[in-house]
Protein backbone atom coordinates (compact mmCIF):
# COMPACT_ATOMS: atom_id res chain seq x y z
CA MET A 1 126.98 88.59 99.75
CA SER A 2 123.59 87.86 98.21
CA ILE A 3 123.65 90.93 95.97
CA GLU A 4 126.77 92.83 94.83
CA VAL A 5 126.46 95.77 92.55
CA THR A 6 129.66 97.40 91.49
CA ASN A 7 130.00 100.51 89.32
CA LEU A 8 126.65 99.92 87.65
CA THR A 9 125.73 102.36 84.73
CA LYS A 10 122.68 102.22 82.49
CA PHE A 11 122.02 104.49 79.51
CA TYR A 12 118.77 104.75 77.54
CA GLY A 13 120.14 106.39 74.35
CA GLU A 14 121.98 109.41 75.68
CA GLN A 15 120.09 109.53 78.92
CA ALA A 16 121.70 108.09 82.01
CA ALA A 17 119.18 106.22 84.20
CA VAL A 18 121.94 104.96 86.65
CA ARG A 19 125.43 106.45 86.98
CA ASP A 20 128.36 104.28 88.54
CA ILE A 21 126.53 103.02 91.61
CA SER A 22 127.75 100.37 94.07
CA PHE A 23 126.23 98.62 96.94
CA SER A 24 125.65 95.24 98.44
CA VAL A 25 123.01 93.27 100.26
CA ALA A 26 123.97 90.55 102.86
CA LYS A 27 122.28 87.22 103.17
CA GLY A 28 119.19 87.49 105.38
CA GLU A 29 118.98 91.20 105.07
CA ILE A 30 115.84 93.31 104.18
CA VAL A 31 116.86 96.47 102.37
CA GLY A 32 114.68 99.40 101.35
CA PHE A 33 115.67 100.89 97.94
CA LEU A 34 114.25 104.43 97.98
CA GLY A 35 114.23 107.35 95.55
CA PRO A 36 111.85 109.82 93.81
CA ASN A 37 110.13 108.88 90.61
CA GLY A 38 112.76 108.43 87.82
CA ALA A 39 115.65 108.14 90.17
CA GLY A 40 116.76 104.69 88.75
CA LYS A 41 115.05 102.22 91.22
CA SER A 42 113.23 100.11 88.82
CA THR A 43 115.97 100.16 86.41
CA THR A 44 118.48 98.94 88.92
CA MET A 45 116.19 96.13 90.04
CA LYS A 46 115.44 94.98 86.42
CA ILE A 47 119.24 94.69 85.85
CA ILE A 48 119.77 92.80 89.10
CA THR A 49 117.07 90.24 87.96
CA GLY A 50 118.59 89.91 84.44
CA PHE A 51 115.43 91.37 82.90
CA ILE A 52 117.44 94.20 81.04
CA PRO A 53 121.20 94.48 80.49
CA SER A 54 123.51 97.07 82.01
CA SER A 55 125.57 99.50 79.94
CA SER A 56 128.64 98.88 82.22
CA GLY A 57 129.51 97.61 85.69
CA GLU A 58 129.14 94.26 87.23
CA ILE A 59 126.21 92.53 89.11
CA LYS A 60 126.56 89.40 91.20
CA VAL A 61 123.79 87.43 92.86
CA CYS A 62 124.95 84.77 95.35
CA GLY A 63 128.42 85.09 93.71
CA LEU A 64 127.25 84.49 90.18
CA PRO A 65 127.59 87.19 87.57
CA VAL A 66 124.16 88.14 86.20
CA ASP A 67 125.31 89.16 82.75
CA VAL A 68 127.31 86.11 82.02
CA ASP A 69 125.18 83.41 83.86
CA SER A 70 121.74 85.04 83.81
CA LEU A 71 119.74 81.65 83.64
CA ASN A 72 121.38 80.29 86.79
CA THR A 73 121.01 83.64 88.64
CA ARG A 74 117.33 83.80 87.68
CA LYS A 75 116.79 80.48 89.46
CA LEU A 76 118.04 82.17 92.53
CA ILE A 77 115.90 85.16 92.34
CA GLY A 78 112.23 85.85 92.99
CA TYR A 79 110.90 88.98 91.27
CA LEU A 80 107.67 90.99 91.80
CA PRO A 81 107.67 93.88 89.35
CA GLU A 82 105.96 97.11 90.04
CA HIS A 83 103.06 96.22 87.61
CA ASN A 84 102.19 92.67 88.57
CA PRO A 85 102.00 90.70 85.30
CA LEU A 86 99.38 88.13 86.06
CA TYR A 87 97.17 86.01 83.77
CA LEU A 88 93.71 87.27 84.86
CA ASP A 89 91.88 84.48 83.11
CA MET A 90 93.60 81.83 84.98
CA TYR A 91 92.61 80.30 88.29
CA VAL A 92 94.85 80.98 91.24
CA LYS A 93 95.90 77.29 91.70
CA GLU A 94 96.11 76.86 87.95
CA TYR A 95 98.49 79.87 87.62
CA LEU A 96 100.75 78.86 90.50
CA GLU A 97 100.96 75.39 89.07
CA PHE A 98 101.87 76.94 85.64
CA VAL A 99 104.67 78.90 87.25
CA ALA A 100 106.01 75.91 89.14
CA LYS A 101 106.14 73.79 86.10
CA ILE A 102 108.18 76.60 84.30
CA TYR A 103 110.76 76.26 87.15
CA LYS A 104 110.62 72.33 86.37
CA MET A 105 109.63 71.65 89.99
CA THR A 106 108.65 68.00 90.73
CA ASN A 107 106.32 68.32 93.69
CA VAL A 108 104.14 70.92 92.07
CA ARG A 109 100.84 70.30 93.84
CA ASP A 110 102.39 70.10 97.22
CA ARG A 111 104.47 73.26 96.61
CA VAL A 112 101.41 75.24 95.37
CA SER A 113 99.45 74.11 98.38
CA ASP A 114 102.20 75.37 100.66
CA MET A 115 102.43 78.78 98.80
CA ILE A 116 98.74 79.33 99.13
CA LYS A 117 98.90 78.70 102.84
CA SER A 118 102.03 80.97 103.34
CA VAL A 119 100.53 84.03 101.57
CA GLY A 120 96.95 83.53 102.90
CA LEU A 121 95.12 82.59 99.66
CA GLU A 122 93.15 79.65 100.96
CA VAL A 123 89.83 81.37 100.62
CA GLU A 124 90.45 82.70 97.19
CA GLN A 125 92.42 79.76 95.70
CA ASN A 126 89.47 78.56 93.43
CA LYS A 127 88.74 82.02 91.92
CA LYS A 128 90.06 83.50 88.69
CA ILE A 129 92.82 86.02 89.31
CA GLY A 130 90.76 88.71 87.57
CA ALA A 131 88.11 88.44 90.15
CA LEU A 132 90.57 89.09 93.14
CA SER A 133 90.94 92.32 94.91
CA LYS A 134 94.23 94.25 94.47
CA GLY A 135 95.54 92.89 97.83
CA TYR A 136 95.00 89.29 96.92
CA ARG A 137 96.58 89.83 93.46
CA GLN A 138 99.58 91.08 95.29
CA ARG A 139 99.57 87.89 97.38
CA VAL A 140 99.55 85.87 94.09
CA GLY A 141 102.38 87.85 92.82
CA LEU A 142 104.29 87.14 95.97
CA ALA A 143 103.47 83.47 95.72
CA GLN A 144 104.80 83.13 92.13
CA ALA A 145 107.88 85.15 93.24
CA ILE A 146 108.85 82.58 95.95
CA ILE A 147 107.27 79.31 94.70
CA HIS A 148 110.72 78.04 93.57
CA ASP A 149 112.42 78.85 96.89
CA PRO A 150 114.69 81.63 95.70
CA GLN A 151 117.58 82.80 97.94
CA VAL A 152 116.89 86.55 96.85
CA LEU A 153 113.61 88.37 96.51
CA ILE A 154 113.28 91.60 94.60
CA LEU A 155 110.10 93.52 95.17
CA ASP A 156 109.25 96.69 93.22
CA GLU A 157 106.45 98.67 95.04
CA PRO A 158 104.84 95.66 96.47
CA THR A 159 102.19 97.51 98.50
CA SER A 160 101.24 100.09 95.85
CA GLY A 161 97.51 100.92 95.80
CA LEU A 162 96.63 98.67 98.83
CA ASP A 163 94.18 99.86 101.61
CA PRO A 164 95.49 100.10 105.20
CA ASN A 165 94.35 96.49 106.19
CA GLN A 166 95.90 95.02 103.06
CA LEU A 167 99.03 97.12 103.66
CA ALA A 168 99.48 95.59 107.22
CA GLU A 169 99.02 92.08 105.87
CA ILE A 170 101.48 92.36 103.11
CA ARG A 171 104.04 94.00 105.42
CA GLU A 172 103.77 91.13 107.83
CA LEU A 173 104.15 88.65 105.08
CA ILE A 174 107.20 90.31 103.75
CA LYS A 175 108.80 90.45 107.21
CA ASN A 176 108.05 86.57 107.64
CA ILE A 177 109.68 85.96 104.09
CA GLY A 178 112.67 88.05 105.11
CA LYS A 179 113.47 85.77 108.06
CA GLU A 180 114.75 83.07 105.59
CA LYS A 181 115.56 85.08 102.42
CA THR A 182 117.46 88.24 101.34
CA VAL A 183 114.81 90.90 100.33
CA MET A 184 115.28 94.22 98.34
CA LEU A 185 112.21 96.29 98.02
CA SER A 186 111.36 99.65 96.59
CA THR A 187 108.52 101.82 98.00
CA HIS A 188 107.48 105.47 98.52
CA ILE A 189 105.89 104.64 101.90
CA MET A 190 108.38 105.75 104.65
CA GLN A 191 106.34 103.95 107.50
CA GLU A 192 106.72 100.70 105.49
CA VAL A 193 110.54 101.00 105.44
CA GLU A 194 110.74 101.74 109.15
CA ALA A 195 108.50 98.73 109.86
CA ILE A 196 110.18 96.24 107.57
CA CYS A 197 113.71 97.14 106.56
CA ASP A 198 117.05 96.58 108.31
CA ARG A 199 118.78 99.06 106.09
CA VAL A 200 117.96 101.91 103.63
CA VAL A 201 119.72 102.74 100.23
CA ILE A 202 118.58 106.05 98.73
CA ILE A 203 119.18 106.77 95.08
CA ASN A 204 118.60 110.19 93.60
CA LYS A 205 119.19 111.21 89.75
CA GLY A 206 120.78 107.82 89.23
CA GLN A 207 123.29 108.09 92.07
CA ILE A 208 123.44 106.69 95.64
CA VAL A 209 123.03 109.44 98.20
CA ALA A 210 122.63 107.40 101.36
CA ASP A 211 123.25 103.85 102.46
CA ASP A 212 122.73 103.05 106.28
CA LYS A 213 120.29 101.91 108.82
CA ALA A 214 117.24 104.01 108.91
CA SER A 215 117.87 104.98 112.48
CA PHE A 216 121.34 106.23 111.78
CA LEU A 217 120.14 108.31 108.90
CA GLN A 218 117.46 109.88 111.03
CA ILE A 219 120.02 111.07 113.51
CA ASP A 220 122.82 111.97 111.34
CA ALA A 221 121.14 113.34 108.16
CA LEU A 222 122.82 116.80 107.36
CA HIS A 223 122.09 118.37 110.89
CA GLN A 224 122.09 117.05 114.48
CA THR A 225 119.60 118.20 117.04
CA VAL A 226 119.86 117.32 120.69
CA TYR A 227 117.56 118.02 123.59
CA VAL A 228 119.32 118.66 126.91
CA GLU A 229 118.01 119.57 130.36
CA PHE A 230 120.31 120.80 133.02
CA GLU A 231 120.12 120.99 136.76
CA GLY A 232 119.52 124.68 137.79
CA GLN A 233 119.47 127.65 135.44
CA VAL A 234 121.93 127.73 132.49
CA ASN A 235 122.10 130.86 130.39
CA LYS A 236 121.87 130.72 126.52
CA SER A 237 125.12 132.78 126.30
CA ILE A 238 126.98 130.08 127.98
CA LEU A 239 125.61 127.35 125.78
CA SER A 240 126.55 129.44 122.60
CA LYS A 241 130.23 128.65 123.57
CA ILE A 242 129.78 124.92 122.68
CA LYS A 243 131.70 124.15 119.62
CA GLN A 244 129.88 123.45 116.29
CA VAL A 245 126.62 124.82 117.70
CA GLN A 246 124.47 126.37 115.00
CA LYS A 247 121.27 127.07 116.76
CA ILE A 248 119.99 127.13 120.43
CA GLU A 249 116.34 127.18 121.32
CA ALA A 250 114.48 127.09 124.65
CA PHE A 251 112.23 124.00 124.77
CA GLY A 252 110.09 122.92 127.73
CA ASN A 253 112.40 122.66 130.75
CA GLY A 254 115.53 122.46 128.51
CA TRP A 255 117.07 123.35 125.33
CA LEU A 256 117.20 122.21 121.71
CA ILE A 257 120.75 122.54 120.41
CA GLU A 258 121.40 122.09 116.71
CA SER A 259 124.83 121.43 114.96
CA ASN A 260 125.91 120.90 111.42
CA GLY A 261 129.14 119.22 112.41
CA SER A 262 130.13 115.58 111.97
CA GLU A 263 131.09 114.84 115.67
CA ASP A 264 128.37 113.44 117.90
CA LEU A 265 126.77 116.53 119.51
CA ARG A 266 125.77 114.63 122.65
CA LYS A 267 129.52 113.78 123.34
CA ILE A 268 130.34 117.56 122.81
CA ILE A 269 127.68 118.77 125.18
CA ALA A 270 128.70 116.13 127.84
CA GLN A 271 132.23 117.29 127.64
CA PHE A 272 131.30 120.96 127.88
CA ALA A 273 129.08 120.28 130.94
CA GLN A 274 131.80 118.36 132.68
CA MET A 275 134.36 121.19 131.93
CA ASN A 276 131.90 123.78 133.42
CA ASN A 277 130.69 121.73 136.44
CA ILE A 278 127.12 121.54 134.99
CA LEU A 279 124.94 118.55 135.80
CA ILE A 280 122.90 117.09 132.92
CA LEU A 281 119.54 115.59 133.84
CA THR A 282 118.42 114.69 130.23
CA LEU A 283 120.39 114.35 126.99
CA ARG A 284 118.99 112.72 123.90
CA ALA A 285 119.21 113.03 120.10
CA GLU A 286 116.10 114.33 118.37
CA GLU A 287 115.48 112.07 115.43
CA LYS A 288 114.18 113.41 112.06
CA THR A 289 111.50 111.34 110.44
CA LEU A 290 112.63 109.18 107.56
CA GLU A 291 110.41 111.21 105.30
CA GLU A 292 112.33 114.41 106.26
CA VAL A 293 115.60 112.70 105.63
CA PHE A 294 114.37 111.52 102.33
CA LYS A 295 113.27 115.09 101.36
CA GLU A 296 116.61 116.60 102.40
CA LEU A 297 118.66 114.03 100.55
CA THR A 298 116.66 114.08 97.32
CA LYS A 299 115.43 117.74 96.88
């Protein structure tokens, strides 16, 4: 595993920001770390990067414990914090060369040139960072995070404040980076998670409330809803005999059937139809949007 978080707890004074959370991120995986403001996202990311200590629990990055061997783990991590800390009076190339030298890289000029091409900064490379737009500053932040070729990339709100064109460009950039590295990112933009992430971890009030693929969460979150269309007329009274059914509603040429049970409702309906000699023409799960899932799990 690239990231292993075990029983992590963090107190600020008497206030618990994170309470006994555990999760892991596999090599080459892009994971969305979601939660409302104050849920503990940034705190968790800062602890993983070795920026702040935990109160208890264990963090490992590529098998190395962060609290014991933090200098070595920091070499394995690229970090873009929520508030991108750039030196605004430095030129883009100058700043990236400065960062590369901090990591004691030998091929500094070649590496900086590669990073500028990778993140699309060729046109802006001779400008001062303070003269760049928000989107290009985020590109500089991504370049400094990956310049030392880390195995793990931690991105805290990487697309905050960007316009739609910049959003699309940065998303594509993160997806390309994720082909070679493990990426963990936090965001409030649900479309971004659906477009980029392999998996979603949702934290609320310092505790993990969901950890699964986004598509699974959208189907299984709290309630299941299935659209079914039968051959011929089927009365609502007959459908009400299906076990675990909570609500039945006519919709188009078929029915929307809702259940709060844990068993797959599609399987239950298929078995019911077979037992009653009813032919099914259409049967599909109605997915909730990720935003709806998020609201239900964090309200």
